[in-house]
């Protein structure tokens, strides 16, 4: 059994699916392609790193993978912000994805902090 609940793994998987669906709404031009590639990469990396963390071989490895997932959630927020400011995505799509990316980043940040505190106590 892994270290994480199925809920977080499912949320990150669904977020990746939702992000992949959102890129279909981007324009079929160089601007859209650039944002689509980066958004897909960052959003799907959140779940990939969470799932990797679930099979981590140590607490330090677990914290590292979750930390990467958190960074990818932050990067996803950047690409979503760029897409909305450049008027590439509808506001409703942007809001849904941004809210979930923010929540995931907060959850992942809490997990990293608690794991690092646990590691510090272990010495």
PDB file of N, CA and C in Angstrom:
ATOM      1  N   UNK A   1       0.837  -1.188   0.000  1.00  0.00           N
ATOM      2  CA  UNK A   1       0.000   0.000   0.000  1.00  0.00           C
ATOM      3  C   UNK A   1       0.878   1.245   0.000  1.00  0.00           C
ATOM      4  N   UNK A   2       0.414   2.282  -0.666  1.00  0.00           N
ATOM      5  CA  UNK A   2       1.180   3.511  -0.789  1.00  0.00           C
ATOM      6  C   UNK A   2       1.034   4.420   0.408  1.00  0.00           C
ATOM      7  N   UNK A   3       1.661   5.545   0.305  1.00  0.00           N
ATOM      8  CA  UNK A   3       1.670   6.532   1.387  1.00  0.00           C
ATOM      9  C   UNK A   3       0.498   7.505   1.312  1.00  0.00           C
ATOM     10  N   UNK A   4      -0.124   7.633   0.152  1.00  0.00           N
ATOM     11  CA  UNK A   4      -1.162   8.644  -0.066  1.00  0.00           C
ATOM     12  C   UNK A   4      -2.545   8.019  -0.161  1.00  0.00           C
ATOM     13  N   UNK A   5      -3.541   8.836   0.115  1.00  0.00           N
ATOM     14  CA  UNK A   5      -4.918   8.373  -0.053  1.00  0.00           C
ATOM     15  C   UNK A   5      -5.260   8.376  -1.539  1.00  0.00           C
ATOM     16  N   UNK A   6      -6.212   7.561  -1.891  1.00  0.00           N
ATOM     17  CA  UNK A   6      -6.659   7.505  -3.275  1.00  0.00           C
ATOM     18  C   UNK A   6      -7.246   8.817  -3.748  1.00  0.00           C
ATOM     19  N   UNK A   7      -7.776   9.611  -2.822  1.00  0.00           N
ATOM     20  CA  UNK A   7      -8.406  10.875  -3.196  1.00  0.00           C
ATOM     21  C   UNK A   7      -7.415  11.825  -3.864  1.00  0.00           C
ATOM     22  N   UNK A   8      -6.242  11.989  -3.303  1.00  0.00           N
ATOM     23  CA  UNK A   8      -5.260  12.900  -3.893  1.00  0.00           C
ATOM     24  C   UNK A   8      -4.793  12.373  -5.243  1.00  0.00           C
ATOM     25  N   UNK A   9      -4.559  11.090  -5.326  1.00  0.00           N
ATOM     26  CA  UNK A   9      -4.148  10.508  -6.601  1.00  0.00           C
ATOM     27  C   UNK A   9      -5.237  10.704  -7.651  1.00  0.00           C
ATOM     28  N   UNK A  10      -6.477  10.479  -7.264  1.00  0.00           N
ATOM     29  CA  UNK A  10      -7.596  10.652  -8.200  1.00  0.00           C
ATOM     30  C   UNK A  10      -7.738  12.117  -8.614  1.00  0.00           C
ATOM     31  N   UNK A  11      -7.603  13.026  -7.663  1.00  0.00           N
ATOM     32  CA  UNK A  11      -7.721  14.460  -7.986  1.00  0.00           C
ATOM     33  C   UNK A  11      -6.657  14.899  -8.972  1.00  0.00           C
ATOM     34  N   UNK A  12      -5.430  14.440  -8.766  1.00  0.00           N
ATOM     35  CA  UNK A  12      -4.365  14.853  -9.682  1.00  0.00           C
ATOM     36  C   UNK A  12      -4.558  14.224 -11.057  1.00  0.00           C
ATOM     37  N   UNK A  13      -5.058  13.004 -11.092  1.00  0.00           N
ATOM     38  CA  UNK A  13      -5.346  12.368 -12.376  1.00  0.00           C
ATOM     39  C   UNK A  13      -6.452  13.123 -13.111  1.00  0.00           C
ATOM     40  N   UNK A  14      -7.529  13.430 -12.402  1.00  0.00           N
ATOM     41  CA  UNK A  14      -8.634  14.159 -13.021  1.00  0.00           C
ATOM     42  C   UNK A  14      -8.207  15.552 -13.463  1.00  0.00           C
ATOM     43  N   UNK A  15      -7.347  16.186 -12.672  1.00  0.00           N
ATOM     44  CA  UNK A  15      -6.849  17.507 -13.061  1.00  0.00           C
ATOM     45  C   UNK A  15      -6.093  17.421 -14.384  1.00  0.00           C
ATOM     46  N   UNK A  16      -5.272  16.393 -14.529  1.00  0.00           N
ATOM     47  CA  UNK A  16      -4.562  16.200 -15.793  1.00  0.00           C
ATOM     48  C   UNK A  16      -5.520  16.013 -16.957  1.00  0.00           C
ATOM     49  N   UNK A  17      -6.561  15.216 -16.739  1.00  0.00           N
ATOM     50  CA  UNK A  17      -7.578  14.996 -17.775  1.00  0.00           C
ATOM     51  C   UNK A  17      -8.264  16.314 -18.130  1.00  0.00           C
ATOM     52  N   UNK A  18      -8.634  17.084 -17.112  1.00  0.00           N
ATOM     53  CA  UNK A  18      -9.300  18.372 -17.346  1.00  0.00           C
ATOM     54  C   UNK A  18      -8.396  19.348 -18.102  1.00  0.00           C
ATOM     55  N   UNK A  19      -7.116  19.347 -17.771  1.00  0.00           N
ATOM     56  CA  UNK A  19      -6.176  20.232 -18.467  1.00  0.00           C
ATOM     57  C   UNK A  19      -6.020  19.812 -19.923  1.00  0.00           C
ATOM     58  N   UNK A  20      -5.956  18.509 -20.162  1.00  0.00           N
ATOM     59  CA  UNK A  20      -5.859  18.025 -21.538  1.00  0.00           C
ATOM     60  C   UNK A  20      -7.094  18.430 -22.343  1.00  0.00           C
ATOM     61  N   UNK A  21      -8.256  18.361 -21.710  1.00  0.00           N
ATOM     62  CA  UNK A  21      -9.491  18.775 -22.384  1.00  0.00           C
ATOM     63  C   UNK A  21      -9.483  20.278 -22.666  1.00  0.00           C
ATOM     64  N   UNK A  22      -8.934  21.049 -21.749  1.00  0.00           N
ATOM     65  CA  UNK A  22      -8.930  22.511 -21.902  1.00  0.00           C
ATOM     66  C   UNK A  22      -8.088  22.967 -23.082  1.00  0.00           C
ATOM     67  N   UNK A  23      -7.016  22.250 -23.380  1.00  0.00           N
ATOM     68  CA  UNK A  23      -6.160  22.705 -24.479  1.00  0.00           C
ATOM     69  C   UNK A  23      -6.887  22.646 -25.817  1.00  0.00           C
ATOM     70  N   UNK A  24      -7.941  21.852 -25.904  1.00  0.00           N
ATOM     71  CA  UNK A  24      -8.735  21.817 -27.137  1.00  0.00           C
ATOM     72  C   UNK A  24      -9.420  23.157 -27.386  1.00  0.00           C
ATOM     73  N   UNK A  25      -9.567  23.952 -26.330  1.00  0.00           N
ATOM     74  CA  UNK A  25     -10.197  25.267 -26.453  1.00  0.00           C
ATOM     75  C   UNK A  25      -9.208  26.355 -26.873  1.00  0.00           C
ATOM     76  N   UNK A  26      -7.929  26.029 -26.877  1.00  0.00           N
ATOM     77  CA  UNK A  26      -6.914  27.007 -27.279  1.00  0.00           C
ATOM     78  C   UNK A  26      -6.918  27.170 -28.798  1.00  0.00           C
ATOM     79  N   UNK A  27      -6.519  28.341 -29.285  1.00  0.00           N
ATOM     80  CA  UNK A  27      -6.494  28.550 -30.736  1.00  0.00           C
ATOM     81  C   UNK A  27      -5.458  27.655 -31.417  1.00  0.00           C
ATOM     82  N   UNK A  28      -5.745  27.313 -32.653  1.00  0.00           N
ATOM     83  CA  UNK A  28      -4.853  26.460 -33.430  1.00  0.00           C
ATOM     84  C   UNK A  28      -3.838  27.337 -34.171  1.00  0.00           C
ATOM     85  N   UNK A  29      -2.958  27.951 -33.374  1.00  0.00           N
ATOM     86  CA  UNK A  29      -1.891  28.785 -33.926  1.00  0.00           C
ATOM     87  C   UNK A  29      -0.683  28.682 -32.994  1.00  0.00           C
ATOM     88  N   UNK A  30       0.379  29.394 -33.311  1.00  0.00           N
ATOM     89  CA  UNK A  30       1.622  29.286 -32.534  1.00  0.00           C
ATOM     90  C   UNK A  30       1.413  29.618 -31.063  1.00  0.00           C
ATOM     91  N   UNK A  31       0.569  30.615 -30.776  1.00  0.00           N
ATOM     92  CA  UNK A  31       0.311  30.972 -29.371  1.00  0.00           C
ATOM     93  C   UNK A  31      -0.360  29.811 -28.652  1.00  0.00           C
ATOM     94  N   UNK A  32      -1.388  29.279 -29.260  1.00  0.00           N
ATOM     95  CA  UNK A  32      -2.118  28.169 -28.656  1.00  0.00           C
ATOM     96  C   UNK A  32      -1.260  26.932 -28.498  1.00  0.00           C
ATOM     97  N   UNK A  33      -0.444  26.636 -29.513  1.00  0.00           N
ATOM     98  CA  UNK A  33       0.413  25.450 -29.450  1.00  0.00           C
ATOM     99  C   UNK A  33       1.418  25.561 -28.313  1.00  0.00           C
ATOM    100  N   UNK A  34       1.991  26.756 -28.156  1.00  0.00           N
ATOM    101  CA  UNK A  34       2.984  26.959 -27.091  1.00  0.00           C
ATOM    102  C   UNK A  34       2.360  26.743 -25.721  1.00  0.00           C
ATOM    103  N   UNK A  35       1.226  27.381 -25.493  1.00  0.00           N
ATOM    104  CA  UNK A  35       0.553  27.238 -24.197  1.00  0.00           C
ATOM    105  C   UNK A  35       0.067  25.804 -24.010  1.00  0.00           C
ATOM    106  N   UNK A  36      -0.468  25.200 -25.067  1.00  0.00           N
ATOM    107  CA  UNK A  36      -0.981  23.829 -24.965  1.00  0.00           C
ATOM    108  C   UNK A  36       0.115  22.863 -24.533  1.00  0.00           C
ATOM    109  N   UNK A  37       1.260  22.959 -25.175  1.00  0.00           N
ATOM    110  CA  UNK A  37       2.366  22.045 -24.854  1.00  0.00           C
ATOM    111  C   UNK A  37       2.803  22.207 -23.401  1.00  0.00           C
ATOM    112  N   UNK A  38       3.017  23.437 -22.982  1.00  0.00           N
ATOM    113  CA  UNK A  38       3.508  23.691 -21.630  1.00  0.00           C
ATOM    114  C   UNK A  38       2.453  23.369 -20.571  1.00  0.00           C
ATOM    115  N   UNK A  39       1.207  23.718 -20.860  1.00  0.00           N
ATOM    116  CA  UNK A  39       0.128  23.443 -19.914  1.00  0.00           C
ATOM    117  C   UNK A  39      -0.067  21.940 -19.746  1.00  0.00           C
ATOM    118  N   UNK A  40      -0.074  21.211 -20.850  1.00  0.00           N
ATOM    119  CA  UNK A  40      -0.210  19.747 -20.768  1.00  0.00           C
ATOM    120  C   UNK A  40       0.940  19.136 -19.974  1.00  0.00           C
ATOM    121  N   UNK A  41       2.153  19.588 -20.260  1.00  0.00           N
ATOM    122  CA  UNK A  41       3.324  19.035 -19.589  1.00  0.00           C
ATOM    123  C   UNK A  41       3.273  19.299 -18.087  1.00  0.00           C
ATOM    124  N   UNK A  42       3.027  20.547 -17.707  1.00  0.00           N
ATOM    125  CA  UNK A  42       3.031  20.901 -16.285  1.00  0.00           C
ATOM    126  C   UNK A  42       1.870  20.251 -15.541  1.00  0.00           C
ATOM    127  N   UNK A  43       0.676  20.321 -16.110  1.00  0.00           N
ATOM    128  CA  UNK A  43      -0.508  19.784 -15.425  1.00  0.00           C
ATOM    129  C   UNK A  43      -0.436  18.272 -15.269  1.00  0.00           C
ATOM    130  N   UNK A  44       0.054  17.582 -16.288  1.00  0.00           N
ATOM    131  CA  UNK A  44       0.144  16.122 -16.185  1.00  0.00           C
ATOM    132  C   UNK A  44       1.290  15.694 -15.269  1.00  0.00           C
ATOM    133  N   UNK A  45       2.286  16.539 -15.127  1.00  0.00           N
ATOM    134  CA  UNK A  45       3.414  16.226 -14.252  1.00  0.00           C
ATOM    135  C   UNK A  45       3.028  16.242 -12.774  1.00  0.00           C
ATOM    136  N   UNK A  46       2.004  17.002 -12.429  1.00  0.00           N
ATOM    137  CA  UNK A  46       1.547  17.021 -11.032  1.00  0.00           C
ATOM    138  C   UNK A  46       1.170  15.608 -10.616  1.00  0.00           C
ATOM    139  N   UNK A  47       0.271  15.008 -11.361  1.00  0.00           N
ATOM    140  CA  UNK A  47      -0.176  13.655 -11.041  1.00  0.00           C
ATOM    141  C   UNK A  47       0.933  12.628 -11.146  1.00  0.00           C
ATOM    142  N   UNK A  48       1.763  12.753 -12.175  1.00  0.00           N
ATOM    143  CA  UNK A  48       2.853  11.792 -12.349  1.00  0.00           C
ATOM    144  C   UNK A  48       3.771  11.783 -11.129  1.00  0.00           C
ATOM    145  N   UNK A  49       4.090  12.961 -10.614  1.00  0.00           N
ATOM    146  CA  UNK A  49       4.968  13.033  -9.445  1.00  0.00           C
ATOM    147  C   UNK A  49       4.270  12.587  -8.168  1.00  0.00           C
ATOM    148  N   UNK A  50       2.979  12.872  -8.042  1.00  0.00           N
ATOM    149  CA  UNK A  50       2.229  12.382  -6.879  1.00  0.00           C
ATOM    150  C   UNK A  50       2.190  10.857  -6.896  1.00  0.00           C
ATOM    151  N   UNK A  51       1.937  10.287  -8.054  1.00  0.00           N
ATOM    152  CA  UNK A  51       1.882   8.825  -8.148  1.00  0.00           C
ATOM    153  C   UNK A  51       3.264   8.223  -7.885  1.00  0.00           C
ATOM    154  N   UNK A  52       4.322   8.875  -8.359  1.00  0.00           N
ATOM    155  CA  UNK A  52       5.679   8.407  -8.055  1.00  0.00           C
ATOM    156  C   UNK A  52       5.950   8.493  -6.560  1.00  0.00           C
ATOM    157  N   UNK A  53       5.532   9.580  -5.939  1.00  0.00           N
ATOM    158  CA  UNK A  53       5.748   9.761  -4.500  1.00  0.00           C
ATOM    159  C   UNK A  53       5.074   8.655  -3.703  1.00  0.00           C
ATOM    160  N   UNK A  54       3.944   8.205  -4.176  1.00  0.00           N
ATOM    161  CA  UNK A  54       3.209   7.159  -3.471  1.00  0.00           C
ATOM    162  C   UNK A  54       4.027   5.878  -3.369  1.00  0.00           C
ATOM    163  N   UNK A  55       4.970   5.696  -4.275  1.00  0.00           N
ATOM    164  CA  UNK A  55       5.821   4.505  -4.257  1.00  0.00           C
ATOM    165  C   UNK A  55       7.252   4.840  -3.836  1.00  0.00           C
ATOM    166  N   UNK A  56       7.441   5.970  -3.174  1.00  0.00           N
ATOM    167  CA  UNK A  56       8.782   6.416  -2.776  1.00  0.00           C
ATOM    168  C   UNK A  56       9.449   5.398  -1.859  1.00  0.00           C
ATOM    169  N   UNK A  57      10.759   5.302  -1.981  1.00  0.00           N
ATOM    170  CA  UNK A  57      11.522   4.351  -1.177  1.00  0.00           C
ATOM    171  C   UNK A  57      11.963   4.920   0.167  1.00  0.00           C
ATOM    172  N   UNK A  58      11.790   6.223   0.374  1.00  0.00           N
ATOM    173  CA  UNK A  58      12.155   6.834   1.653  1.00  0.00           C
ATOM    174  C   UNK A  58      11.310   8.087   1.866  1.00  0.00           C
ATOM    175  N   UNK A  59      11.317   8.586   3.096  1.00  0.00           N
ATOM    176  CA  UNK A  59      10.600   9.828   3.385  1.00  0.00           C
ATOM    177  C   UNK A  59      11.189  11.001   2.603  1.00  0.00           C
ATOM    178  N   UNK A  60      12.512  11.021   2.461  1.00  0.00           N
ATOM    179  CA  UNK A  60      13.162  12.107   1.719  1.00  0.00           C
ATOM    180  C   UNK A  60      12.768  12.060   0.243  1.00  0.00           C
ATOM    181  N   UNK A  61      12.726  10.869  -0.335  1.00  0.00           N
ATOM    182  CA  UNK A  61      12.309  10.713  -1.727  1.00  0.00           C
ATOM    183  C   UNK A  61      10.856  11.136  -1.889  1.00  0.00           C
ATOM    184  N   UNK A  62      10.021  10.758  -0.938  1.00  0.00           N
ATOM    185  CA  UNK A  62       8.612  11.140  -0.942  1.00  0.00           C
ATOM    186  C   UNK A  62       8.473  12.665  -0.939  1.00  0.00           C
ATOM    187  N   UNK A  63       9.175  13.328  -0.020  1.00  0.00           N
ATOM    188  CA  UNK A  63       9.105  14.791   0.080  1.00  0.00           C
ATOM    189  C   UNK A  63       9.593  15.448  -1.208  1.00  0.00           C
ATOM    190  N   UNK A  64      10.640  14.892  -1.792  1.00  0.00           N
ATOM    191  CA  UNK A  64      11.188  15.448  -3.032  1.00  0.00           C
ATOM    192  C   UNK A  64      10.170  15.367  -4.171  1.00  0.00           C
ATOM    193  N   UNK A  65       9.548  14.218  -4.332  1.00  0.00           N
ATOM    194  CA  UNK A  65       8.565  14.040  -5.414  1.00  0.00           C
ATOM    195  C   UNK A  65       7.344  14.941  -5.205  1.00  0.00           C
ATOM    196  N   UNK A  66       6.878  15.047  -3.977  1.00  0.00           N
ATOM    197  CA  UNK A  66       5.729  15.915  -3.697  1.00  0.00           C
ATOM    198  C   UNK A  66       6.112  17.375  -3.934  1.00  0.00           C
ATOM    199  N   UNK A  67       7.343  17.734  -3.597  1.00  0.00           N
ATOM    200  CA  UNK A  67       7.822  19.094  -3.835  1.00  0.00           C
ATOM    201  C   UNK A  67       7.832  19.415  -5.332  1.00  0.00           C
ATOM    202  N   UNK A  68       8.247  18.467  -6.139  1.00  0.00           N
ATOM    203  CA  UNK A  68       8.223  18.666  -7.593  1.00  0.00           C
ATOM    204  C   UNK A  68       6.783  18.839  -8.069  1.00  0.00           C
ATOM    205  N   UNK A  69       5.876  18.023  -7.548  1.00  0.00           N
ATOM    206  CA  UNK A  69       4.461  18.140  -7.925  1.00  0.00           C
ATOM    207  C   UNK A  69       3.926  19.527  -7.576  1.00  0.00           C
ATOM    208  N   UNK A  70       4.316  20.038  -6.410  1.00  0.00           N
ATOM    209  CA  UNK A  70       3.878  21.381  -6.008  1.00  0.00           C
ATOM    210  C   UNK A  70       4.414  22.440  -6.971  1.00  0.00           C
ATOM    211  N   UNK A  71       5.674  22.322  -7.359  1.00  0.00           N
ATOM    212  CA  UNK A  71       6.253  23.267  -8.317  1.00  0.00           C
ATOM    213  C   UNK A  71       5.521  23.206  -9.655  1.00  0.00           C
ATOM    214  N   UNK A  72       5.158  22.011 -10.072  1.00  0.00           N
ATOM    215  CA  UNK A  72       4.421  21.863 -11.331  1.00  0.00           C
ATOM    216  C   UNK A  72       3.025  22.481 -11.221  1.00  0.00           C
ATOM    217  N   UNK A  73       2.406  22.387 -10.050  1.00  0.00           N
ATOM    218  CA  UNK A  73       1.101  23.036  -9.839  1.00  0.00           C
ATOM    219  C   UNK A  73       1.250  24.548  -9.957  1.00  0.00           C
ATOM    220  N   UNK A  74       2.338  25.081  -9.413  1.00  0.00           N
ATOM    221  CA  UNK A  74       2.593  26.522  -9.532  1.00  0.00           C
ATOM    222  C   UNK A  74       2.850  26.914 -10.988  1.00  0.00           C
ATOM    223  N   UNK A  75       3.608  26.090 -11.702  1.00  0.00           N
ATOM    224  CA  UNK A  75       3.871  26.382 -13.113  1.00  0.00           C
ATOM    225  C   UNK A  75       2.577  26.320 -13.926  1.00  0.00           C
ATOM    226  N   UNK A  76       1.727  25.369 -13.600  1.00  0.00           N
ATOM    227  CA  UNK A  76       0.434  25.264 -14.278  1.00  0.00           C
ATOM    228  C   UNK A  76      -0.362  26.548 -14.095  1.00  0.00           C
ATOM    229  N   UNK A  77      -0.325  27.103 -12.889  1.00  0.00           N
ATOM    230  CA  UNK A  77      -1.028  28.362 -12.634  1.00  0.00           C
ATOM    231  C   UNK A  77      -0.474  29.484 -13.514  1.00  0.00           C
ATOM    232  N   UNK A  78       0.824  29.487 -13.732  1.00  0.00           N
ATOM    233  CA  UNK A  78       1.422  30.496 -14.615  1.00  0.00           C
ATOM    234  C   UNK A  78       0.861  30.375 -16.032  1.00  0.00           C
ATOM    235  N   UNK A  79       0.877  29.169 -16.583  1.00  0.00           N
ATOM    236  CA  UNK A  79       0.407  28.980 -17.957  1.00  0.00           C
ATOM    237  C   UNK A  79      -1.074  29.303 -18.086  1.00  0.00           C
ATOM    238  N   UNK A  80      -1.855  28.987 -17.064  1.00  0.00           N
ATOM    239  CA  UNK A  80      -3.271  29.352 -17.088  1.00  0.00           C
ATOM    240  C   UNK A  80      -3.445  30.869 -17.041  1.00  0.00           C
ATOM    241  N   UNK A  81      -2.642  31.533 -16.221  1.00  0.00           N
ATOM    242  CA  UNK A  81      -2.708  32.998 -16.137  1.00  0.00           C
ATOM    243  C   UNK A  81      -2.312  33.643 -17.461  1.00  0.00           C
ATOM    244  N   UNK A  82      -1.286  33.105 -18.080  1.00  0.00           N
ATOM    245  CA  UNK A  82      -0.864  33.611 -19.383  1.00  0.00           C
ATOM    246  C   UNK A  82      -1.977  33.418 -20.415  1.00  0.00           C
ATOM    247  N   UNK A  83      -2.598  32.254 -20.404  1.00  0.00           N
ATOM    248  CA  UNK A  83      -3.665  31.958 -21.369  1.00  0.00           C
ATOM    249  C   UNK A  83      -4.851  32.899 -21.207  1.00  0.00           C
ATOM    250  N   UNK A  84      -5.203  33.216 -19.975  1.00  0.00           N
ATOM    251  CA  UNK A  84      -6.352  34.110 -19.778  1.00  0.00           C
ATOM    252  C   UNK A  84      -5.978  35.554 -20.113  1.00  0.00           C
ATOM    253  N   UNK A  85      -4.783  35.966 -19.735  1.00  0.00           N
ATOM    254  CA  UNK A  85      -4.372  37.341 -20.029  1.00  0.00           C
ATOM    255  C   UNK A  85      -4.240  37.572 -21.530  1.00  0.00           C
ATOM    256  N   UNK A  86      -3.792  36.545 -22.248  1.00  0.00           N
ATOM    257  CA  UNK A  86      -3.667  36.644 -23.706  1.00  0.00           C
ATOM    258  C   UNK A  86      -4.990  36.326 -24.412  1.00  0.00           C
ATOM    259  N   UNK A  87      -6.022  36.127 -23.618  1.00  0.00           N
ATOM    260  CA  UNK A  87      -7.370  35.841 -24.130  1.00  0.00           C
ATOM    261  C   UNK A  87      -7.398  34.594 -25.009  1.00  0.00           C
ATOM    262  N   UNK A  88      -6.711  33.545 -24.533  1.00  0.00           N
ATOM    263  CA  UNK A  88      -6.663  32.281 -25.264  1.00  0.00           C
ATOM    264  C   UNK A  88      -7.644  31.248 -24.718  1.00  0.00           C
ATOM    265  N   UNK A  89      -8.065  31.419 -23.472  1.00  0.00           N
ATOM    266  CA  UNK A  89      -8.982  30.470 -22.824  1.00  0.00           C
ATOM    267  C   UNK A  89     -10.214  31.202 -22.321  1.00  0.00           C
ATOM    268  N   UNK A  90     -11.378  30.551 -22.363  1.00  0.00           N
ATOM    269  CA  UNK A  90     -12.568  31.154 -21.756  1.00  0.00           C
ATOM    270  C   UNK A  90     -12.383  31.300 -20.242  1.00  0.00           C
ATOM    271  N   UNK A  91     -12.956  32.321 -19.679  1.00  0.00           N
ATOM    272  CA  UNK A  91     -12.813  32.586 -18.241  1.00  0.00           C
ATOM    273  C   UNK A  91     -13.306  31.420 -17.396  1.00  0.00           C
ATOM    274  N   UNK A  92     -14.372  30.751 -17.806  1.00  0.00           N
ATOM    275  CA  UNK A  92     -14.911  29.642 -17.005  1.00  0.00           C
ATOM    276  C   UNK A  92     -13.928  28.479 -16.939  1.00  0.00           C
ATOM    277  N   UNK A  93     -13.289  28.164 -18.052  1.00  0.00           N
ATOM    278  CA  UNK A  93     -12.288  27.090 -18.068  1.00  0.00           C
ATOM    279  C   UNK A  93     -11.102  27.483 -17.203  1.00  0.00           C
ATOM    280  N   UNK A  94     -10.661  28.719 -17.353  1.00  0.00           N
ATOM    281  CA  UNK A  94      -9.527  29.213 -16.577  1.00  0.00           C
ATOM    282  C   UNK A  94      -9.815  29.134 -15.085  1.00  0.00           C
ATOM    283  N   UNK A  95     -10.982  29.603 -14.664  1.00  0.00           N
ATOM    284  CA  UNK A  95     -11.319  29.640 -13.235  1.00  0.00           C
ATOM    285  C   UNK A  95     -11.343  28.243 -12.638  1.00  0.00           C
ATOM    286  N   UNK A  96     -11.965  27.307 -13.327  1.00  0.00           N
ATOM    287  CA  UNK A  96     -12.054  25.933 -12.811  1.00  0.00           C
ATOM    288  C   UNK A  96     -10.662  25.327 -12.627  1.00  0.00           C
ATOM    289  N   UNK A  97      -9.832  25.434 -13.651  1.00  0.00           N
ATOM    290  CA  UNK A  97      -8.497  24.845 -13.576  1.00  0.00           C
ATOM    291  C   UNK A  97      -7.608  25.576 -12.576  1.00  0.00           C
ATOM    292  N   UNK A  98      -7.681  26.894 -12.555  1.00  0.00           N
ATOM    293  CA  UNK A  98      -6.855  27.665 -11.628  1.00  0.00           C
ATOM    294  C   UNK A  98      -7.219  27.359 -10.182  1.00  0.00           C
ATOM    295  N   UNK A  99      -8.498  27.281  -9.889  1.00  0.00           N
ATOM    296  CA  UNK A  99      -8.917  26.961  -8.517  1.00  0.00           C
ATOM    297  C   UNK A  99      -8.384  25.605  -8.083  1.00  0.00           C
ATOM    298  N   UNK A 100      -8.483  24.614  -8.956  1.00  0.00           N
ATOM    299  CA  UNK A 100      -7.993  23.283  -8.594  1.00  0.00           C
ATOM    300  C   UNK A 100      -6.474  23.273  -8.482  1.00  0.00           C
ATOM    301  N   UNK A 101      -5.772  23.964  -9.373  1.00  0.00           N
ATOM    302  CA  UNK A 101      -4.309  24.028  -9.291  1.00  0.00           C
ATOM    303  C   UNK A 101      -3.872  24.688  -7.988  1.00  0.00           C
ATOM    304  N   UNK A 102      -4.574  25.747  -7.575  1.00  0.00           N
ATOM    305  CA  UNK A 102      -4.253  26.418  -6.311  1.00  0.00           C
ATOM    306  C   UNK A 102      -4.490  25.486  -5.126  1.00  0.00           C
ATOM    307  N   UNK A 103      -5.610  24.781  -5.135  1.00  0.00           N
ATOM    308  CA  UNK A 103      -5.901  23.848  -4.041  1.00  0.00           C
ATOM    309  C   UNK A 103      -4.867  22.733  -3.981  1.00  0.00           C
ATOM    310  N   UNK A 104      -4.524  22.184  -5.136  1.00  0.00           N
ATOM    311  CA  UNK A 104      -3.519  21.122  -5.159  1.00  0.00           C
ATOM    312  C   UNK A 104      -2.176  21.633  -4.650  1.00  0.00           C
ATOM    313  N   UNK A 105      -1.779  22.838  -5.057  1.00  0.00           N
ATOM    314  CA  UNK A 105      -0.508  23.402  -4.591  1.00  0.00           C
ATOM    315  C   UNK A 105      -0.507  23.554  -3.074  1.00  0.00           C
ATOM    316  N   UNK A 106      -1.622  23.984  -2.499  1.00  0.00           N
ATOM    317  CA  UNK A 106      -1.716  24.126  -1.040  1.00  0.00           C
ATOM    318  C   UNK A 106      -1.634  22.771  -0.346  1.00  0.00           C
ATOM    319  N   UNK A 107      -2.364  21.801  -0.852  1.00  0.00           N
ATOM    320  CA  UNK A 107      -2.338  20.455  -0.269  1.00  0.00           C
ATOM    321  C   UNK A 107      -0.930  19.882  -0.339  1.00  0.00           C
ATOM    322  N   UNK A 108      -0.316  19.993  -1.499  1.00  0.00           N
ATOM    323  CA  UNK A 108       1.029  19.450  -1.683  1.00  0.00           C
ATOM    324  C   UNK A 108       2.039  20.180  -0.808  1.00  0.00           C
ATOM    325  N   UNK A 109       1.891  21.492  -0.671  1.00  0.00           N
ATOM    326  CA  UNK A 109       2.775  22.256   0.209  1.00  0.00           C
ATOM    327  C   UNK A 109       2.666  21.804   1.652  1.00  0.00           C
ATOM    328  N   UNK A 110       1.452  21.518   2.096  1.00  0.00           N
ATOM    329  CA  UNK A 110       1.244  21.025   3.462  1.00  0.00           C
ATOM    330  C   UNK A 110       1.899  19.664   3.645  1.00  0.00           C
ATOM    331  N   UNK A 111       1.759  18.799   2.656  1.00  0.00           N
ATOM    332  CA  UNK A 111       2.379  17.469   2.742  1.00  0.00           C
ATOM    333  C   UNK A 111       3.893  17.596   2.817  1.00  0.00           C
ATOM    334  N   UNK A 112       4.466  18.467   1.989  1.00  0.00           N
ATOM    335  CA  UNK A 112       5.923  18.667   2.011  1.00  0.00           C
ATOM    336  C   UNK A 112       6.363  19.167   3.380  1.00  0.00           C
ATOM    337  N   UNK A 113       5.669  20.181   3.895  1.00  0.00           N
ATOM    338  CA  UNK A 113       6.046  20.759   5.190  1.00  0.00           C
ATOM    339  C   UNK A 113       5.982  19.712   6.296  1.00  0.00           C
ATOM    340  N   UNK A 114       4.903  18.958   6.355  1.00  0.00           N
ATOM    341  CA  UNK A 114       4.758  17.948   7.409  1.00  0.00           C
ATOM    342  C   UNK A 114       5.795  16.841   7.271  1.00  0.00           C
ATOM    343  N   UNK A 115       6.093  16.456   6.045  1.00  0.00           N
ATOM    344  CA  UNK A 115       7.108  15.418   5.839  1.00  0.00           C
ATOM    345  C   UNK A 115       8.483  15.931   6.240  1.00  0.00           C
ATOM    346  N   UNK A 116       8.793  17.177   5.905  1.00  0.00           N
ATOM    347  CA  UNK A 116      10.086  17.746   6.289  1.00  0.00           C
ATOM    348  C   UNK A 116      10.197  17.892   7.803  1.00  0.00           C
ATOM    349  N   UNK A 117       9.101  18.264   8.456  1.00  0.00           N
ATOM    350  CA  UNK A 117       9.105  18.337   9.920  1.00  0.00           C
ATOM    351  C   UNK A 117       9.353  16.958  10.518  1.00  0.00           C
ATOM    352  N   UNK A 118       8.724  15.951   9.952  1.00  0.00           N
ATOM    353  CA  UNK A 118       8.921  14.568  10.412  1.00  0.00           C
ATOM    354  C   UNK A 118      10.384  14.148  10.231  1.00  0.00           C
ATOM    355  N   UNK A 119      10.961  14.493   9.085  1.00  0.00           N
ATOM    356  CA  UNK A 119      12.364  14.156   8.831  1.00  0.00           C
ATOM    357  C   UNK A 119      13.290  14.874   9.808  1.00  0.00           C
ATOM    358  N   UNK A 120      12.987  16.130  10.128  1.00  0.00           N
ATOM    359  CA  UNK A 120      13.814  16.898  11.064  1.00  0.00           C
ATOM    360  C   UNK A 120      13.766  16.282  12.463  1.00  0.00           C
ATOM    361  N   UNK A 121      12.586  15.803  12.858  1.00  0.00           N
ATOM    362  CA  UNK A 121      12.465  15.162  14.180  1.00  0.00           C
ATOM    363  C   UNK A 121      13.237  13.846  14.234  1.00  0.00           C
ATOM    364  N   UNK A 122      13.285  13.145  13.105  1.00  0.00           N
ATOM    365  CA  UNK A 122      14.011  11.876  13.049  1.00  0.00           C
ATOM    366  C   UNK A 122      15.515  12.095  13.145  1.00  0.00           C
ATOM    367  N   UNK A 123      15.928  13.296  12.758  1.00  0.00           N
ATOM    368  CA  UNK A 123      17.331  13.648  12.887  1.00  0.00           C
ATOM    369  C   UNK A 123      18.114  13.291  11.723  1.00  0.00           C
TER     370      UNK A 123
END
